[in-house]
Amino acid sequence: MSDSDFKFESREVTRIGGRLVPHQVNLRLLEGWIRTCDKIHGFACSNSDLRVRITPLRGLRAIDVKSKCLVDAPPQCRYIALSYVWGETNTLRCTRQKLLAMQTHGFFKHQKPPATIDNDMSVVEGCGETYLWVDALCIVQDDPSDLNLQMAQMGNVFATAIFTIVASSSDHADSGLPGAMLTARSFTQERVELN
């Protein structure tokens, strides 16, 4: 190869740039990433050593974001997990008394969960998925046997999720998920043009 093979005309390379991060999450982009992951290495991921060693989850519940209610998770279902801070807010939690009502179709339309969970439900549905796992709503908080079972398998719950959304910028469950739906991200993104 000669030096001429590496020459560029100035009009071909005018700047180097990165991706500008919008104030709203691009759900179509997120859905595309999920589908690409499934297509390119879905089988390899689902049959990885980690997944083979994990004992099947027992008694797992998930929020069906399309039916807007809590369901017993189908075996081997795809779900997205949420990691967030409960904080000092008086938040909706699953209890023995509320469990049956929460399993009623449309429950979360009428009984809104905290903003972070509500935003996350919209993200899950917006990226083409059905199930969301959230500790406060998927574990019966006043049932010692359910708490013990679910806490013992918590690592596996996160390990077998498609991915986990981490609401790291919130102080409490009602903070919302920045960039999701009506909750815009507020940040300053530096832009520098290089010649």
Protein backbone atom coordinates (compact mmCIF):
# COMPACT_ATOMS: atom_id res chain seq x y z
CA MET A 1 0.00 0.00 0.00
CA SER A 2 1.19 3.46 -0.74
CA ASP A 3 0.71 6.69 1.18
CA SER A 4 -1.93 7.73 -1.35
CA ASP A 5 -4.19 4.91 -0.14
CA PHE A 6 -4.51 6.68 3.21
CA LYS A 7 -5.18 10.21 1.94
CA PHE A 8 -8.62 11.73 2.45
CA GLU A 9 -9.98 14.77 0.73
CA SER A 10 -10.97 17.47 3.20
CA ARG A 11 -14.62 17.33 2.14
CA GLU A 12 -14.83 13.62 3.05
CA VAL A 13 -13.78 14.02 6.68
CA THR A 14 -15.11 17.27 8.02
CA ARG A 15 -15.64 16.49 11.70
CA ILE A 16 -15.57 13.84 14.35
CA GLY A 17 -18.71 13.61 16.42
CA GLY A 18 -20.55 11.56 18.97
CA ARG A 19 -24.20 10.86 19.52
CA LEU A 20 -26.18 13.68 21.04
CA VAL A 21 -28.30 12.39 23.89
CA PRO A 22 -31.90 13.63 23.60
CA HIS A 23 -33.99 14.67 26.59
CA GLN A 24 -36.35 11.73 26.00
CA VAL A 25 -35.35 8.06 25.74
CA ASN A 26 -35.69 6.75 22.18
CA LEU A 27 -37.84 3.67 22.78
CA ARG A 28 -37.58 2.54 19.16
CA LEU A 29 -33.79 2.55 19.47
CA LEU A 30 -34.02 0.54 22.70
CA GLU A 31 -36.40 -1.95 21.07
CA GLY A 32 -33.97 -2.23 18.14
CA TRP A 33 -31.09 -3.02 20.50
CA ILE A 34 -33.16 -5.76 22.17
CA ARG A 35 -34.13 -7.32 18.83
CA THR A 36 -30.55 -7.11 17.55
CA CYS A 37 -29.31 -8.81 20.70
CA ASP A 38 -31.93 -11.55 20.29
CA LYS A 39 -31.06 -12.05 16.64
CA ILE A 40 -27.27 -11.98 16.90
CA HIS A 41 -26.59 -13.84 20.12
CA GLY A 42 -29.93 -14.71 21.75
CA PHE A 43 -29.33 -18.46 21.81
CA ALA A 44 -25.79 -18.05 23.12
CA CYS A 45 -26.97 -15.77 25.94
CA SER A 46 -29.96 -17.91 26.92
CA ASN A 47 -27.74 -21.01 27.08
CA SER A 48 -24.76 -19.38 28.77
CA ASP A 49 -23.04 -21.11 31.69
CA LEU A 50 -24.57 -18.58 34.08
CA ARG A 51 -28.15 -19.28 33.00
CA VAL A 52 -27.63 -23.05 33.05
CA ARG A 53 -26.33 -22.90 36.63
CA ILE A 54 -29.23 -20.73 37.87
CA THR A 55 -32.02 -22.66 39.51
CA PRO A 56 -35.42 -21.88 37.98
CA LEU A 57 -37.16 -19.03 39.76
CA ARG A 58 -39.97 -20.11 42.05
CA GLY A 59 -43.12 -18.11 42.73
CA LEU A 60 -42.02 -15.24 40.50
CA ARG A 61 -44.58 -12.53 39.90
CA ALA A 62 -44.31 -9.75 37.34
CA ILE A 63 -46.32 -6.75 36.23
CA ASP A 64 -48.00 -7.38 32.89
CA VAL A 65 -47.66 -3.88 31.44
CA LYS A 66 -50.25 -4.56 28.73
CA SER A 67 -52.93 -5.88 31.10
CA LYS A 68 -51.85 -3.39 33.80
CA CYS A 69 -51.89 -5.97 36.58
CA LEU A 70 -49.71 -8.31 38.61
CA VAL A 71 -49.44 -11.87 37.27
CA ASP A 72 -47.72 -15.12 38.13
CA ALA A 73 -44.81 -14.97 35.69
CA PRO A 74 -45.06 -17.63 32.98
CA PRO A 75 -42.19 -20.16 33.09
CA GLN A 76 -39.04 -18.82 31.40
CA CYS A 77 -40.74 -15.51 30.59
CA ARG A 78 -38.78 -12.51 29.34
CA TYR A 79 -38.90 -9.62 31.77
CA ILE A 80 -37.14 -6.39 32.56
CA ALA A 81 -36.18 -5.61 36.16
CA LEU A 82 -36.17 -2.24 37.90
CA SER A 83 -33.62 -1.18 40.50
CA TYR A 84 -34.56 2.03 42.31
CA VAL A 85 -34.68 3.74 45.69
CA TRP A 86 -37.89 3.39 47.70
CA GLY A 87 -37.07 6.45 49.81
CA GLU A 88 -39.34 7.94 52.43
CA THR A 89 -42.40 8.13 50.17
CA ASN A 90 -45.51 6.23 51.13
CA THR A 91 -45.45 4.00 48.08
CA LEU A 92 -47.79 1.32 46.80
CA ARG A 93 -46.60 -2.10 47.94
CA CYS A 94 -47.94 -5.62 47.48
CA THR A 95 -49.48 -7.00 50.66
CA ARG A 96 -51.55 -10.11 51.38
CA GLN A 97 -54.63 -7.89 51.51
CA LYS A 98 -53.91 -6.19 48.14
CA LEU A 99 -52.56 -9.20 46.20
CA LEU A 100 -55.87 -10.35 44.72
CA ALA A 101 -56.86 -6.81 43.71
CA MET A 102 -53.43 -6.24 42.10
CA GLN A 103 -53.99 -9.37 40.00
CA THR A 104 -57.18 -7.85 38.55
CA HIS A 105 -56.93 -6.75 34.89
CA GLY A 106 -56.43 -2.95 34.75
CA PHE A 107 -55.49 -2.54 38.42
CA PHE A 108 -52.55 -0.19 37.69
CA LYS A 109 -54.75 2.04 35.52
CA HIS A 110 -56.85 2.92 38.56
CA GLN A 111 -54.27 2.55 41.32
CA LYS A 112 -51.21 4.35 39.97
CA PRO A 113 -47.86 3.09 41.21
CA PRO A 114 -45.13 5.60 42.14
CA ALA A 115 -43.82 7.69 39.21
CA THR A 116 -40.57 5.73 38.80
CA ILE A 117 -42.47 2.44 38.44
CA ASP A 118 -45.19 4.00 36.28
CA ASN A 119 -42.55 5.48 33.93
CA ASP A 120 -40.76 2.14 33.83
CA MET A 121 -43.99 0.35 32.88
CA SER A 122 -44.33 2.75 29.94
CA VAL A 123 -40.72 2.10 28.88
CA VAL A 124 -41.21 -1.69 29.02
CA GLU A 125 -44.37 -1.47 26.92
CA GLY A 126 -42.81 1.11 24.58
CA CYS A 127 -39.90 -1.16 23.75
CA GLY A 128 -42.20 -4.07 22.88
CA GLU A 129 -41.86 -6.16 26.04
CA THR A 130 -44.63 -7.38 28.37
CA TYR A 131 -43.28 -8.10 31.84
CA LEU A 132 -41.66 -5.93 34.48
CA TRP A 133 -40.27 -7.08 37.82
CA VAL A 134 -40.29 -4.58 40.70
CA ASP A 135 -39.56 -5.72 44.24
CA ALA A 136 -42.21 -3.61 46.04
CA LEU A 137 -45.00 -4.91 43.81
CA CYS A 138 -43.85 -8.44 42.92
CA ILE A 139 -43.00 -9.59 46.44
CA VAL A 140 -45.73 -9.80 49.08
CA GLN A 141 -44.15 -7.46 51.61
CA ASP A 142 -46.03 -8.69 54.70
CA ASP A 143 -45.73 -12.43 53.99
CA PRO A 144 -42.56 -13.80 55.67
CA SER A 145 -42.48 -16.98 53.57
CA ASP A 146 -42.81 -15.06 50.27
CA LEU A 147 -40.23 -12.51 51.43
CA ASN A 148 -37.76 -15.26 52.38
CA LEU A 149 -38.25 -17.15 49.10
CA GLN A 150 -37.96 -14.07 46.91
CA MET A 151 -35.04 -12.51 48.81
CA ALA A 152 -33.10 -15.79 48.54
CA GLN A 153 -33.42 -15.74 44.74
CA MET A 154 -33.01 -11.99 44.22
CA GLY A 155 -29.60 -12.38 42.55
CA ASN A 156 -31.10 -14.81 40.06
CA VAL A 157 -34.05 -12.47 39.43
CA PHE A 158 -31.63 -9.78 38.23
CA ALA A 159 -29.35 -12.28 36.45
CA THR A 160 -32.15 -13.70 34.31
CA ALA A 161 -33.81 -10.39 33.41
CA ILE A 162 -33.39 -9.26 29.79
CA PHE A 163 -31.82 -6.18 31.35
CA THR A 164 -32.24 -4.01 34.43
CA ILE A 165 -33.22 -0.36 34.39
CA VAL A 166 -31.40 1.42 37.20
CA ALA A 167 -33.04 4.64 38.38
CA SER A 168 -29.80 5.92 39.88
CA SER A 169 -30.66 9.61 39.90
CA SER A 170 -33.76 9.34 42.08
CA ASP A 171 -34.11 9.92 45.82
CA HIS A 172 -37.43 8.09 46.15
CA ALA A 173 -39.96 6.02 44.22
CA ASP A 174 -41.94 9.09 43.14
CA SER A 175 -38.95 10.82 41.50
CA GLY A 176 -39.77 9.37 38.09
CA LEU A 177 -37.42 7.92 35.52
CA PRO A 178 -35.54 10.77 33.81
CA GLY A 179 -35.92 10.63 30.05
CA ALA A 180 -38.95 8.36 30.17
CA MET A 181 -42.29 9.65 28.99
CA LEU A 182 -43.16 12.98 30.62
CA THR A 183 -40.09 13.10 32.85
CA ALA A 184 -37.40 14.76 30.73
CA ARG A 185 -33.73 14.40 31.53
CA SER A 186 -32.12 17.65 32.56
CA PHE A 187 -28.42 17.79 31.85
CA THR A 188 -25.91 19.80 29.92
CA GLN A 189 -24.16 17.96 27.16
CA GLU A 190 -20.92 19.50 26.01
CA ARG A 191 -20.52 19.83 22.26
CA VAL A 192 -17.11 20.43 20.76
CA GLU A 193 -16.41 20.54 17.04
CA LEU A 194 -12.98 19.38 16.00
CA ASN A 195 -11.49 20.19 12.66
